[in-house]
N, C-alpha and C. Protein backbone atom coordinates (compact mmCIF):
# COMPACT_ATOMS: atom_id res chain seq x y z
N MET A 1 115.41 111.21 112.21
CA MET A 1 114.05 110.81 112.67
C MET A 1 113.60 109.56 112.15
N HIS A 2 112.85 108.88 112.80
CA HIS A 2 112.22 107.54 112.47
C HIS A 2 110.78 107.65 112.19
N THR A 3 110.16 106.79 111.59
CA THR A 3 108.84 106.59 111.33
C THR A 3 108.32 105.24 111.72
N ILE A 4 107.37 105.17 112.69
CA ILE A 4 106.73 103.68 113.06
C ILE A 4 105.31 103.70 112.58
N ARG A 5 104.96 102.67 112.33
CA ARG A 5 103.50 102.34 112.03
C ARG A 5 102.88 101.44 113.15
N LEU A 6 101.90 101.65 113.68
CA LEU A 6 101.36 100.84 114.77
C LEU A 6 100.03 100.35 114.52
N LYS A 7 99.65 99.40 115.02
CA LYS A 7 98.02 98.99 114.88
C LYS A 7 97.82 98.85 116.43
N ILE A 8 96.79 99.60 116.75
CA ILE A 8 96.42 99.73 118.15
C ILE A 8 95.06 99.39 118.49
N ASN A 9 94.85 98.61 119.57
CA ASN A 9 93.49 98.24 119.96
C ASN A 9 92.63 99.36 120.21
N ASP A 10 91.41 99.22 120.05
CA ASP A 10 90.42 100.38 120.37
C ASP A 10 90.58 100.78 121.90
N LYS A 11 90.81 99.82 122.69
CA LYS A 11 90.77 99.97 124.15
C LYS A 11 91.76 100.84 124.64
N VAL A 12 92.89 100.87 124.04
CA VAL A 12 94.04 101.67 124.38
C VAL A 12 94.26 102.93 123.38
N TYR A 13 93.62 102.94 122.59
CA TYR A 13 93.83 104.00 121.46
C TYR A 13 94.02 105.52 122.06
N ASP A 14 92.81 105.85 122.74
CA ASP A 14 92.97 107.08 123.44
C ASP A 14 93.90 107.36 124.41
N LYS A 15 94.41 106.44 124.95
CA LYS A 15 95.64 106.50 125.92
C LYS A 15 96.81 106.67 125.30
N ILE A 16 96.95 105.94 124.07
CA ILE A 16 98.25 106.28 123.44
C ILE A 16 98.29 107.59 122.68
N LEU A 17 96.99 108.11 122.18
CA LEU A 17 97.02 109.39 121.70
C LEU A 17 97.28 110.47 122.84
N TRP A 18 96.73 110.24 123.89
CA TRP A 18 97.13 111.15 125.27
C TRP A 18 98.60 111.08 125.50
N LEU A 19 99.28 110.11 125.38
CA LEU A 19 100.65 110.01 125.69
C LEU A 19 101.39 110.70 124.49
N LEU A 20 101.14 110.47 123.28
CA LEU A 20 101.84 111.04 122.35
C LEU A 20 101.62 112.52 122.14
N SER A 21 100.55 112.94 122.69
CA SER A 21 100.12 114.51 122.63
C SER A 21 101.11 115.34 123.73
N LYS A 22 101.69 114.63 124.56
CA LYS A 22 102.47 115.11 125.54
C LYS A 22 103.91 115.48 125.03
N PHE A 23 104.17 115.09 124.01
CA PHE A 23 105.56 115.45 123.19
C PHE A 23 105.25 116.68 122.40
N SER A 24 106.25 117.45 122.02
CA SER A 24 106.16 118.48 121.18
C SER A 24 106.07 118.05 119.86
N LYS A 25 105.58 118.93 118.97
CA LYS A 25 105.54 118.55 117.42
C LYS A 25 106.81 118.38 116.91
N HIS A 26 107.98 118.85 117.52
CA HIS A 26 109.17 118.61 116.94
C HIS A 26 109.77 117.24 117.36
N GLU A 27 109.15 116.80 118.44
CA GLU A 27 109.58 115.36 118.98
C GLU A 27 108.74 114.36 118.18
N VAL A 28 107.54 114.34 118.17
CA VAL A 28 106.49 113.39 117.75
C VAL A 28 105.41 114.12 116.75
N GLU A 29 105.24 113.59 115.63
CA GLU A 29 104.12 114.07 114.75
C GLU A 29 103.19 112.88 114.48
N ILE A 30 102.04 112.94 114.71
CA ILE A 30 101.00 112.10 114.42
C ILE A 30 100.64 112.33 112.92
N ILE A 31 100.95 111.22 112.19
CA ILE A 31 100.48 111.25 110.57
C ILE A 31 99.27 110.39 110.55
N ASN A 32 98.11 111.11 110.15
CA ASN A 32 96.98 110.34 109.90
C ASN A 32 96.87 109.57 108.56
N GLU A 33 96.73 108.30 108.56
CA GLU A 33 96.66 107.72 107.17
C GLU A 33 95.39 107.38 106.71
N ASP A 34 94.83 108.64 106.34
CA ASP A 34 93.54 108.66 105.76
C ASP A 34 93.48 108.55 104.10
N ALA A 35 92.37 108.61 103.47
CA ALA A 35 92.29 108.52 102.11
C ALA A 35 93.18 109.32 101.56
N GLU A 36 93.17 110.73 101.82
CA GLU A 36 94.15 111.71 101.17
C GLU A 36 95.51 111.32 101.21
N PHE A 37 95.96 110.78 102.54
CA PHE A 37 97.47 110.30 102.62
C PHE A 37 97.70 109.17 101.76
N PHE A 38 96.98 108.14 101.33
CA PHE A 38 97.18 107.00 100.57
C PHE A 38 97.11 107.74 99.13
N GLU A 39 96.21 108.63 98.83
CA GLU A 39 96.19 109.36 97.45
C GLU A 39 97.60 109.90 97.18
N ASN A 40 97.89 110.82 98.25
CA ASN A 40 99.36 111.67 97.99
C ASN A 40 100.55 110.52 97.90
N GLN A 41 100.41 109.45 98.70
CA GLN A 41 101.39 108.51 98.63
C GLN A 41 101.48 107.81 97.30
N LYS A 42 100.46 107.54 96.81
CA LYS A 42 100.43 106.79 95.22
C LYS A 42 100.87 107.85 94.35
N TYR A 43 100.38 108.99 94.42
CA TYR A 43 100.89 110.22 93.39
C TYR A 43 102.41 110.28 93.49
N LEU A 44 102.88 110.46 94.76
CA LEU A 44 104.44 110.55 95.01
C LEU A 44 105.23 109.29 94.44
N GLU A 45 104.63 108.23 94.77
CA GLU A 45 105.37 106.99 94.22
C GLU A 45 105.44 106.86 92.62
N LYS A 46 104.30 107.30 91.99
CA LYS A 46 104.31 107.39 90.66
C LYS A 46 105.28 108.45 89.96
N GLU A 47 105.43 109.48 90.74
CA GLU A 47 106.30 110.70 90.28
C GLU A 47 107.77 110.27 90.37
N LEU A 48 108.00 109.55 91.62
CA LEU A 48 109.43 109.12 91.78
C LEU A 48 109.59 108.04 90.70
N GLY A 49 108.76 107.02 90.35
CA GLY A 49 109.05 106.21 89.29
C GLY A 49 109.24 106.78 88.03
N ASP A 50 108.59 107.78 87.77
CA ASP A 50 108.90 108.49 86.48
C ASP A 50 110.12 109.12 86.44
N ILE A 51 110.68 109.87 87.54
CA ILE A 51 112.05 110.16 87.68
C ILE A 51 113.19 109.39 87.57
N ILE A 52 112.93 107.99 88.12
CA ILE A 52 113.85 107.03 88.12
C ILE A 52 113.94 106.33 86.69
N SER A 53 112.91 106.18 86.04
CA SER A 53 112.70 105.49 84.80
C SER A 53 113.13 106.55 83.57
N GLY A 54 113.45 107.74 84.01
CA GLY A 54 113.71 108.69 82.94
C GLY A 54 112.63 109.54 82.20
N ASN A 55 111.47 109.22 82.59
CA ASN A 55 110.15 109.57 81.95
C ASN A 55 109.70 110.98 82.55
N ALA A 56 110.21 111.44 83.45
CA ALA A 56 109.91 112.82 84.04
C ALA A 56 110.16 113.97 83.17
N GLN A 57 109.41 114.95 83.20
CA GLN A 57 109.64 116.25 82.49
C GLN A 57 109.92 117.25 83.48
N PHE A 58 111.26 117.92 83.25
CA PHE A 58 111.57 118.90 84.04
C PHE A 58 111.59 120.40 83.39
N ILE A 59 111.37 121.50 84.04
CA ILE A 59 111.56 122.67 83.67
C ILE A 59 112.54 123.49 84.16
N GLU A 60 113.03 124.70 83.59
CA GLU A 60 113.95 125.53 84.14
C GLU A 60 113.42 126.28 85.18
N MET A 61 114.29 126.73 86.18
CA MET A 61 113.90 127.67 87.25
C MET A 61 113.16 128.94 86.79
N ASP A 62 113.50 129.50 85.85
CA ASP A 62 112.75 130.73 85.25
C ASP A 62 111.45 130.35 84.99
N GLU A 63 111.36 129.25 84.29
CA GLU A 63 109.92 128.97 83.73
C GLU A 63 109.16 128.64 84.98
N ALA A 64 109.66 127.88 86.10
CA ALA A 64 108.86 127.68 87.19
C ALA A 64 108.40 128.85 87.95
N GLU A 65 109.35 129.76 87.91
CA GLU A 65 108.99 131.19 88.63
C GLU A 65 107.96 131.75 87.85
N GLN A 66 107.94 131.78 86.48
CA GLN A 66 107.04 132.51 85.87
C GLN A 66 105.64 131.87 85.88
N ARG A 67 105.50 130.43 85.92
CA ARG A 67 104.31 129.73 86.13
C ARG A 67 103.78 130.14 87.50
N LEU A 68 104.60 130.16 88.53
CA LEU A 68 104.20 130.34 89.86
C LEU A 68 103.69 131.85 89.94
N GLU A 69 104.26 132.86 89.36
CA GLU A 69 103.82 134.21 89.27
C GLU A 69 102.53 134.35 88.54
N ASN A 70 102.15 133.59 87.57
CA ASN A 70 101.02 133.72 86.86
C ASN A 70 99.85 132.94 87.74
N LEU A 71 100.17 131.91 88.36
CA LEU A 71 99.22 131.35 89.27
C LEU A 71 98.77 132.33 90.40
N ILE A 72 99.75 132.85 90.96
CA ILE A 72 99.44 133.97 92.09
C ILE A 72 98.61 134.95 91.43
N LYS A 73 98.78 135.41 90.31
CA LYS A 73 98.11 136.42 89.85
C LYS A 73 96.71 136.16 89.63
N GLN A 74 96.31 134.89 89.05
CA GLN A 74 95.12 134.32 88.78
C GLN A 74 94.26 134.40 90.17
N HIS A 75 94.89 133.97 91.31
CA HIS A 75 94.11 133.63 92.47
C HIS A 75 94.44 134.77 93.62
N GLU A 76 95.21 135.88 93.39
CA GLU A 76 95.37 136.82 94.29
C GLU A 76 94.20 137.47 95.00
N ASN A 77 93.14 137.70 94.16
CA ASN A 77 91.91 138.53 94.58
C ASN A 77 90.96 137.57 95.14
N ARG A 78 91.09 136.20 95.45
CA ARG A 78 90.27 135.28 96.14
C ARG A 78 90.26 135.39 97.57
N ILE A 79 91.26 136.01 98.11
CA ILE A 79 91.40 135.99 99.48
C ILE A 79 90.61 137.28 100.01
């Protein structure tokens, strides 16, 4: 799969979105580059940098499962 980034004139923006909407989500996915997108991108770039530089901290699978189980127990009554 490929990703492209386009700068589209306002005059044709709706037409392009209409055309792209004709494809299934498996064929074309529209990724909105909003503030949340850029925050996530910045966070992930930092995390990757920590991994590459050897500064990342990892945990064992058992500990990750226990943390997840505790988190679920904390929030299971919210729904």
